Amino acid sequence: MFSETNALTLFPTFLWQHRLDDSTRERVNGAIRAKLAELVKQNATASADKVMQTVQDLHTLPEFEEFSNLVLTAARGVTEFLHVGEEGIEITSCWANINPSGKGNPQHTHPNNYLGGVYYVDVPENAGSIIFEDPRPQAHVVSPRVSQSTAENSGRAEVSVEEGVLLIFPAWLVHHVPPNPANRNRISISYNLMFPAFTEKVSPAKWQGNLQTS
């Protein structure tokens, strides 16, 4: 018989979750709500029965300075955890999602970035979840029936969230948000992060040819 049996984790996919303390959450959410209310008022022609999304430059606004610093602090922790050798990381885009009743966000990724994420400002009852899909296409070649659905045999992961929760995940990880079942808006802030020297250091091929050009 076996002397020992282990299930090893290979190629894990991480989701980093940060929870703001009460005072920070109240201060940050208050600033965000006030600015978004101002923007909605300025764009009165926007339809209140559709998903409203701001231009992706919220991180450049003074009202979002503290929030942006929180995102960067969390992102730096992620790069340290992964032992990334690139110098620095920056927010490339940041936008608000205002989902009225019955509206969600379809499956998508955050292309041309290293990390993506979302922060929750207003989460109505029963409206706090985000769903991630298994990024391994080969895992679906054979899909047997299971006696119990678990994290180890499921093709998707539904993560519960609440106000003041900040998530960061690989930008390539497919995810979507179910329709908002509540009668009030669900408000979240999404963001992308990338290395400042992307074009100079990351985009060039990482292999060497054997025919010299000079």
C-alpha atoms as a PDB file:
ATOM      1  CA  MET A   1       0.000   0.000   0.000  1.00  0.00           C
ATOM      2  CA  PHE A   2       0.962   3.654  -0.172  1.00  0.00           C
ATOM      3  CA  SER A   3       2.986   5.140   2.628  1.00  0.00           C
ATOM      4  CA  GLU A   4       1.763   8.632   1.749  1.00  0.00           C
ATOM      5  CA  THR A   5      -0.664  10.282  -0.691  1.00  0.00           C
ATOM      6  CA  ASN A   6      -0.683  13.960  -1.626  1.00  0.00           C
ATOM      7  CA  ALA A   7      -2.652  16.113  -4.056  1.00  0.00           C
ATOM      8  CA  LEU A   8      -0.255  18.743  -5.367  1.00  0.00           C
ATOM      9  CA  THR A   9      -1.423  22.110  -6.677  1.00  0.00           C
ATOM     10  CA  LEU A  10       0.033  22.914 -10.099  1.00  0.00           C
ATOM     11  CA  PHE A  11      -0.294  26.231 -11.936  1.00  0.00           C
ATOM     12  CA  PRO A  12      -2.623  27.863  -9.398  1.00  0.00           C
ATOM     13  CA  THR A  13      -4.844  30.774 -10.398  1.00  0.00           C
ATOM     14  CA  PHE A  14      -4.953  33.392  -7.655  1.00  0.00           C
ATOM     15  CA  LEU A  15      -7.602  35.915  -6.704  1.00  0.00           C
ATOM     16  CA  TRP A  16      -6.392  38.505  -4.206  1.00  0.00           C
ATOM     17  CA  GLN A  17      -9.039  39.908  -1.876  1.00  0.00           C
ATOM     18  CA  HIS A  18      -8.549  43.001   0.274  1.00  0.00           C
ATOM     19  CA  ARG A  19     -11.074  44.372   2.736  1.00  0.00           C
ATOM     20  CA  LEU A  20     -10.920  48.063   3.672  1.00  0.00           C
ATOM     21  CA  ASP A  21     -11.211  48.952   7.335  1.00  0.00           C
ATOM     22  CA  ASP A  22     -14.415  50.726   8.361  1.00  0.00           C
ATOM     23  CA  SER A  23     -13.092  54.286   8.463  1.00  0.00           C
ATOM     24  CA  THR A  24     -11.245  53.966   5.140  1.00  0.00           C
ATOM     25  CA  ARG A  25     -14.257  52.361   3.486  1.00  0.00           C
ATOM     26  CA  GLU A  26     -16.619  55.114   4.624  1.00  0.00           C
ATOM     27  CA  ARG A  27     -14.241  57.861   3.522  1.00  0.00           C
ATOM     28  CA  VAL A  28     -13.383  56.329   0.139  1.00  0.00           C
ATOM     29  CA  ASN A  29     -16.941  55.291  -0.676  1.00  0.00           C
ATOM     30  CA  GLY A  30     -18.249  58.705   0.299  1.00  0.00           C
ATOM     31  CA  ALA A  31     -15.851  60.406  -2.106  1.00  0.00           C
ATOM     32  CA  ILE A  32     -16.687  57.952  -4.889  1.00  0.00           C
ATOM     33  CA  ARG A  33     -20.452  58.245  -4.451  1.00  0.00           C
ATOM     34  CA  ALA A  34     -20.297  62.037  -4.438  1.00  0.00           C
ATOM     35  CA  LYS A  35     -18.232  62.191  -7.632  1.00  0.00           C
ATOM     36  CA  LEU A  36     -20.369  59.627  -9.436  1.00  0.00           C
ATOM     37  CA  ALA A  37     -23.547  61.483  -8.492  1.00  0.00           C
ATOM     38  CA  GLU A  38     -22.000  64.610  -9.996  1.00  0.00           C
ATOM     39  CA  LEU A  39     -21.042  62.768 -13.190  1.00  0.00           C
ATOM     40  CA  VAL A  40     -24.486  61.208 -13.580  1.00  0.00           C
ATOM     41  CA  LYS A  41     -26.084  64.627 -13.167  1.00  0.00           C
ATOM     42  CA  GLN A  42     -23.755  66.081 -15.814  1.00  0.00           C
ATOM     43  CA  ASN A  43     -24.710  63.289 -18.210  1.00  0.00           C
ATOM     44  CA  ALA A  44     -28.459  63.539 -17.858  1.00  0.00           C
ATOM     45  CA  THR A  45     -29.033  61.915 -21.252  1.00  0.00           C
ATOM     46  CA  ALA A  46     -27.582  58.604 -20.039  1.00  0.00           C
ATOM     47  CA  SER A  47     -30.324  56.006 -19.704  1.00  0.00           C
ATOM     48  CA  ALA A  48     -30.940  55.003 -16.099  1.00  0.00           C
ATOM     49  CA  ASP A  49     -32.270  51.589 -17.172  1.00  0.00           C
ATOM     50  CA  LYS A  50     -28.986  50.564 -18.814  1.00  0.00           C
ATOM     51  CA  VAL A  51     -25.562  49.820 -17.370  1.00  0.00           C
ATOM     52  CA  MET A  52     -23.743  53.122 -17.015  1.00  0.00           C
ATOM     53  CA  GLN A  53     -19.955  53.149 -17.274  1.00  0.00           C
ATOM     54  CA  THR A  54     -17.709  56.161 -16.963  1.00  0.00           C
ATOM     55  CA  VAL A  55     -14.780  57.054 -19.167  1.00  0.00           C
ATOM     56  CA  GLN A  56     -11.758  55.038 -18.020  1.00  0.00           C
ATOM     57  CA  ASP A  57      -9.792  57.899 -16.446  1.00  0.00           C
ATOM     58  CA  LEU A  58     -11.135  57.967 -12.892  1.00  0.00           C
ATOM     59  CA  HIS A  59      -7.641  57.325 -11.507  1.00  0.00           C
ATOM     60  CA  THR A  60      -6.584  60.759 -12.805  1.00  0.00           C
ATOM     61  CA  LEU A  61      -9.259  62.618 -10.835  1.00  0.00           C
ATOM     62  CA  PRO A  62      -8.342  64.175  -7.467  1.00  0.00           C
ATOM     63  CA  GLU A  63     -11.448  62.643  -5.861  1.00  0.00           C
ATOM     64  CA  PHE A  64     -10.025  59.193  -6.623  1.00  0.00           C
ATOM     65  CA  GLU A  65      -6.486  59.810  -5.357  1.00  0.00           C
ATOM     66  CA  GLU A  66      -6.858  57.858  -2.113  1.00  0.00           C
ATOM     67  CA  PHE A  67      -8.648  55.027  -3.881  1.00  0.00           C
ATOM     68  CA  SER A  68      -5.982  54.838  -6.589  1.00  0.00           C
ATOM     69  CA  ASN A  69      -3.254  54.642  -3.957  1.00  0.00           C
ATOM     70  CA  LEU A  70      -5.079  51.737  -2.308  1.00  0.00           C
ATOM     71  CA  VAL A  71      -5.239  49.896  -5.629  1.00  0.00           C
ATOM     72  CA  LEU A  72      -1.530  50.481  -6.250  1.00  0.00           C
ATOM     73  CA  THR A  73      -0.624  49.306  -2.755  1.00  0.00           C
ATOM     74  CA  ALA A  74      -2.609  46.114  -3.288  1.00  0.00           C
ATOM     75  CA  ALA A  75      -1.078  45.580  -6.738  1.00  0.00           C
ATOM     76  CA  ARG A  76       2.452  45.992  -5.419  1.00  0.00           C
ATOM     77  CA  GLY A  77       1.669  43.307  -2.858  1.00  0.00           C
ATOM     78  CA  VAL A  78       0.584  41.008  -5.689  1.00  0.00           C
ATOM     79  CA  THR A  79       3.782  41.548  -7.676  1.00  0.00           C
ATOM     80  CA  GLU A  80       5.840  40.901  -4.549  1.00  0.00           C
ATOM     81  CA  PHE A  81       3.878  37.711  -3.871  1.00  0.00           C
ATOM     82  CA  LEU A  82       4.541  36.524  -7.431  1.00  0.00           C
ATOM     83  CA  HIS A  83       8.201  37.650  -7.324  1.00  0.00           C
ATOM     84  CA  VAL A  84       7.727  39.744 -10.455  1.00  0.00           C
ATOM     85  CA  GLY A  85      11.018  41.252 -11.599  1.00  0.00           C
ATOM     86  CA  GLU A  86       9.569  44.250 -13.427  1.00  0.00           C
ATOM     87  CA  GLU A  87      10.037  47.676 -11.862  1.00  0.00           C
ATOM     88  CA  GLY A  88       6.802  49.293 -10.755  1.00  0.00           C
ATOM     89  CA  ILE A  89       3.207  48.884 -11.814  1.00  0.00           C
ATOM     90  CA  GLU A  90       0.646  51.537 -12.697  1.00  0.00           C
ATOM     91  CA  ILE A  91      -3.062  51.945 -13.282  1.00  0.00           C
ATOM     92  CA  THR A  92      -3.742  52.134 -17.007  1.00  0.00           C
ATOM     93  CA  SER A  93      -7.493  52.614 -16.777  1.00  0.00           C
ATOM     94  CA  CYS A  94     -10.163  52.929 -14.116  1.00  0.00           C
ATOM     95  CA  TRP A  95     -13.922  53.229 -14.551  1.00  0.00           C
ATOM     96  CA  ALA A  96     -17.198  52.969 -12.669  1.00  0.00           C
ATOM     97  CA  ASN A  97     -19.936  50.434 -13.349  1.00  0.00           C
ATOM     98  CA  ILE A  98     -23.451  51.422 -12.309  1.00  0.00           C
ATOM     99  CA  ASN A  99     -25.727  48.416 -12.727  1.00  0.00           C
ATOM    100  CA  PRO A 100     -29.457  49.063 -12.284  1.00  0.00           C
ATOM    101  CA  SER A 101     -31.942  46.310 -11.508  1.00  0.00           C
ATOM    102  CA  GLY A 102     -31.729  43.407 -13.942  1.00  0.00           C
ATOM    103  CA  LYS A 103     -28.391  44.411 -15.452  1.00  0.00           C
ATOM    104  CA  GLY A 104     -25.077  42.575 -15.258  1.00  0.00           C
ATOM    105  CA  ASN A 105     -21.792  42.458 -17.154  1.00  0.00           C
ATOM    106  CA  PRO A 106     -21.078  39.762 -19.786  1.00  0.00           C
ATOM    107  CA  GLN A 107     -18.027  37.524 -19.882  1.00  0.00           C
ATOM    108  CA  HIS A 108     -14.829  39.422 -20.561  1.00  0.00           C
ATOM    109  CA  THR A 109     -11.136  39.770 -19.793  1.00  0.00           C
ATOM    110  CA  HIS A 110      -8.944  42.862 -19.356  1.00  0.00           C
ATOM    111  CA  PRO A 111      -6.631  42.620 -22.405  1.00  0.00           C
ATOM    112  CA  ASN A 112      -3.204  44.232 -22.753  1.00  0.00           C
ATOM    113  CA  ASN A 113      -2.748  44.424 -18.996  1.00  0.00           C
ATOM    114  CA  TYR A 114      -1.084  42.244 -16.381  1.00  0.00           C
ATOM    115  CA  LEU A 115      -3.675  42.631 -13.626  1.00  0.00           C
ATOM    116  CA  GLY A 116      -7.338  43.561 -13.497  1.00  0.00           C
ATOM    117  CA  GLY A 117      -9.596  44.184 -10.567  1.00  0.00           C
ATOM    118  CA  VAL A 118     -12.801  45.534  -9.121  1.00  0.00           C
ATOM    119  CA  TYR A 119     -13.821  47.375  -5.963  1.00  0.00           C
ATOM    120  CA  TYR A 120     -17.340  47.359  -4.533  1.00  0.00           C
ATOM    121  CA  VAL A 121     -18.961  50.621  -3.479  1.00  0.00           C
ATOM    122  CA  ASP A 122     -22.665  49.742  -3.250  1.00  0.00           C
ATOM    123  CA  VAL A 123     -23.787  46.116  -3.070  1.00  0.00           C
ATOM    124  CA  PRO A 124     -27.538  45.559  -2.641  1.00  0.00           C
ATOM    125  CA  GLU A 125     -28.798  42.437  -0.889  1.00  0.00           C
ATOM    126  CA  ASN A 126     -28.260  39.245  -2.944  1.00  0.00           C
ATOM    127  CA  ALA A 127     -26.332  41.242  -5.576  1.00  0.00           C
ATOM    128  CA  GLY A 128     -22.810  40.619  -4.349  1.00  0.00           C
ATOM    129  CA  SER A 129     -21.098  38.064  -6.540  1.00  0.00           C
ATOM    130  CA  ILE A 130     -18.659  37.802  -9.413  1.00  0.00           C
ATOM    131  CA  ILE A 131     -18.128  34.593 -11.393  1.00  0.00           C
ATOM    132  CA  PHE A 132     -14.771  33.411 -12.750  1.00  0.00           C
ATOM    133  CA  GLU A 133     -14.346  30.713 -15.404  1.00  0.00           C
ATOM    134  CA  ASP A 134     -11.768  27.920 -15.383  1.00  0.00           C
ATOM    135  CA  PRO A 135      -8.951  29.202 -17.639  1.00  0.00           C
ATOM    136  CA  ARG A 136      -7.869  25.685 -18.677  1.00  0.00           C
ATOM    137  CA  PRO A 137      -9.730  24.699 -21.866  1.00  0.00           C
ATOM    138  CA  GLN A 138      -8.367  21.148 -21.693  1.00  0.00           C
ATOM    139  CA  ALA A 139     -10.129  20.619 -18.368  1.00  0.00           C
ATOM    140  CA  HIS A 140     -13.471  20.467 -20.186  1.00  0.00           C
ATOM    141  CA  VAL A 141     -12.499  17.696 -22.627  1.00  0.00           C
ATOM    142  CA  VAL A 142     -13.960  15.125 -20.223  1.00  0.00           C
ATOM    143  CA  SER A 143     -16.594  16.346 -17.780  1.00  0.00           C
ATOM    144  CA  PRO A 144     -18.000  13.441 -15.744  1.00  0.00           C
ATOM    145  CA  ARG A 145     -20.961  13.698 -13.428  1.00  0.00           C
ATOM    146  CA  VAL A 146     -19.971  14.445  -9.839  1.00  0.00           C
ATOM    147  CA  SER A 147     -21.469  13.326  -6.559  1.00  0.00           C
ATOM    148  CA  GLN A 148     -20.803  16.755  -5.076  1.00  0.00           C
ATOM    149  CA  SER A 149     -19.773  20.048  -6.671  1.00  0.00           C
ATOM    150  CA  THR A 150     -16.576  21.364  -5.117  1.00  0.00           C
ATOM    151  CA  ALA A 151     -13.882  23.893  -5.938  1.00  0.00           C
ATOM    152  CA  GLU A 152     -11.718  21.015  -7.151  1.00  0.00           C
ATOM    153  CA  ASN A 153     -14.181  19.730  -9.776  1.00  0.00           C
ATOM    154  CA  SER A 154     -16.078  22.852 -10.826  1.00  0.00           C
ATOM    155  CA  GLY A 155     -15.530  24.757 -14.062  1.00  0.00           C
ATOM    156  CA  ARG A 156     -16.375  28.091 -12.508  1.00  0.00           C
ATOM    157  CA  ALA A 157     -16.029  29.874  -9.190  1.00  0.00           C
ATOM    158  CA  GLU A 158     -18.622  32.246  -7.762  1.00  0.00           C
ATOM    159  CA  VAL A 159     -17.083  34.675  -5.294  1.00  0.00           C
ATOM    160  CA  SER A 160     -19.237  36.565  -2.817  1.00  0.00           C
ATOM    161  CA  VAL A 161     -18.353  40.208  -2.240  1.00  0.00           C
ATOM    162  CA  GLU A 162     -19.577  43.145  -0.203  1.00  0.00           C
ATOM    163  CA  GLU A 163     -19.053  46.868   0.104  1.00  0.00           C
ATOM    164  CA  GLY A 164     -15.430  47.722   0.819  1.00  0.00           C
ATOM    165  CA  VAL A 165     -13.952  44.620  -0.839  1.00  0.00           C
ATOM    166  CA  LEU A 166     -11.159  45.146  -3.381  1.00  0.00           C
ATOM    167  CA  LEU A 167     -10.256  42.304  -5.743  1.00  0.00           C
ATOM    168  CA  ILE A 168      -7.223  41.833  -7.989  1.00  0.00           C
ATOM    169  CA  PHE A 169      -6.852  38.983 -10.469  1.00  0.00           C
ATOM    170  CA  PRO A 170      -4.881  38.065 -13.613  1.00  0.00           C
ATOM    171  CA  ALA A 171      -6.134  40.266 -16.433  1.00  0.00           C
ATOM    172  CA  TRP A 172      -6.604  37.208 -18.675  1.00  0.00           C
ATOM    173  CA  LEU A 173      -9.025  35.473 -16.301  1.00  0.00           C
ATOM    174  CA  VAL A 174     -12.515  35.301 -17.840  1.00  0.00           C
ATOM    175  CA  HIS A 175     -15.262  36.594 -15.561  1.00  0.00           C
ATOM    176  CA  HIS A 176     -18.756  38.057 -15.562  1.00  0.00           C
ATOM    177  CA  VAL A 177     -21.235  39.644 -13.196  1.00  0.00           C
ATOM    178  CA  PRO A 178     -24.779  38.249 -12.859  1.00  0.00           C
ATOM    179  CA  PRO A 179     -27.763  40.594 -13.301  1.00  0.00           C
ATOM    180  CA  ASN A 180     -28.520  42.785 -10.318  1.00  0.00           C
ATOM    181  CA  PRO A 181     -31.662  41.312  -8.665  1.00  0.00           C
ATOM    182  CA  ALA A 182     -32.226  44.301  -6.385  1.00  0.00           C
ATOM    183  CA  ASN A 183     -34.226  47.477  -6.899  1.00  0.00           C
ATOM    184  CA  ARG A 184     -31.267  49.792  -6.305  1.00  0.00           C
ATOM    185  CA  ASN A 185     -28.031  50.271  -8.201  1.00  0.00           C
ATOM    186  CA  ARG A 186     -24.977  48.107  -7.724  1.00  0.00           C
ATOM    187  CA  ILE A 187     -21.871  50.288  -8.018  1.00  0.00           C
ATOM    188  CA  SER A 188     -18.348  49.024  -8.557  1.00  0.00           C
ATOM    189  CA  ILE A 189     -15.039  50.463  -9.742  1.00  0.00           C
ATOM    190  CA  SER A 190     -12.947  48.441 -12.194  1.00  0.00           C
ATOM    191  CA  TYR A 191      -9.272  48.986 -12.978  1.00  0.00           C
ATOM    192  CA  ASN A 192      -6.390  47.635 -15.031  1.00  0.00           C
ATOM    193  CA  LEU A 193      -2.715  47.574 -14.115  1.00  0.00           C
ATOM    194  CA  MET A 194       0.417  47.167 -16.206  1.00  0.00           C
ATOM    195  CA  PHE A 195       4.174  47.643 -15.998  1.00  0.00           C
ATOM    196  CA  PRO A 196       5.347  51.140 -17.029  1.00  0.00           C
ATOM    197  CA  ALA A 197       8.053  49.745 -19.322  1.00  0.00           C
ATOM    198  CA  PHE A 198       5.673  47.383 -21.129  1.00  0.00           C
ATOM    199  CA  THR A 199       6.671  48.256 -24.682  1.00  0.00           C
ATOM    200  CA  GLU A 200      10.393  48.349 -23.984  1.00  0.00           C
ATOM    201  CA  LYS A 201      10.766  45.386 -21.675  1.00  0.00           C
ATOM    202  CA  VAL A 202       7.730  43.106 -21.905  1.00  0.00           C
ATOM    203  CA  SER A 203       6.562  43.176 -25.516  1.00  0.00           C
ATOM    204  CA  PRO A 204       9.874  42.183 -27.191  1.00  0.00           C
ATOM    205  CA  ALA A 205      10.309  38.451 -27.831  1.00  0.00           C
ATOM    206  CA  LYS A 206      11.951  36.578 -24.974  1.00  0.00           C
ATOM    207  CA  TRP A 207      13.838  34.115 -27.219  1.00  0.00           C
ATOM    208  CA  GLN A 208      17.009  34.564 -29.243  1.00  0.00           C
ATOM    209  CA  GLY A 209      17.385  33.682 -32.929  1.00  0.00           C
ATOM    210  CA  ASN A 210      20.506  32.067 -34.370  1.00  0.00           C
ATOM    211  CA  LEU A 211      20.914  34.385 -37.383  1.00  0.00           C
ATOM    212  CA  GLN A 212      22.462  37.722 -36.515  1.00  0.00           C
ATOM    213  CA  THR A 213      21.199  40.829 -38.322  1.00  0.00           C
ATOM    214  CA  SER A 214      24.097  43.094 -37.453  1.00  0.00           C
END
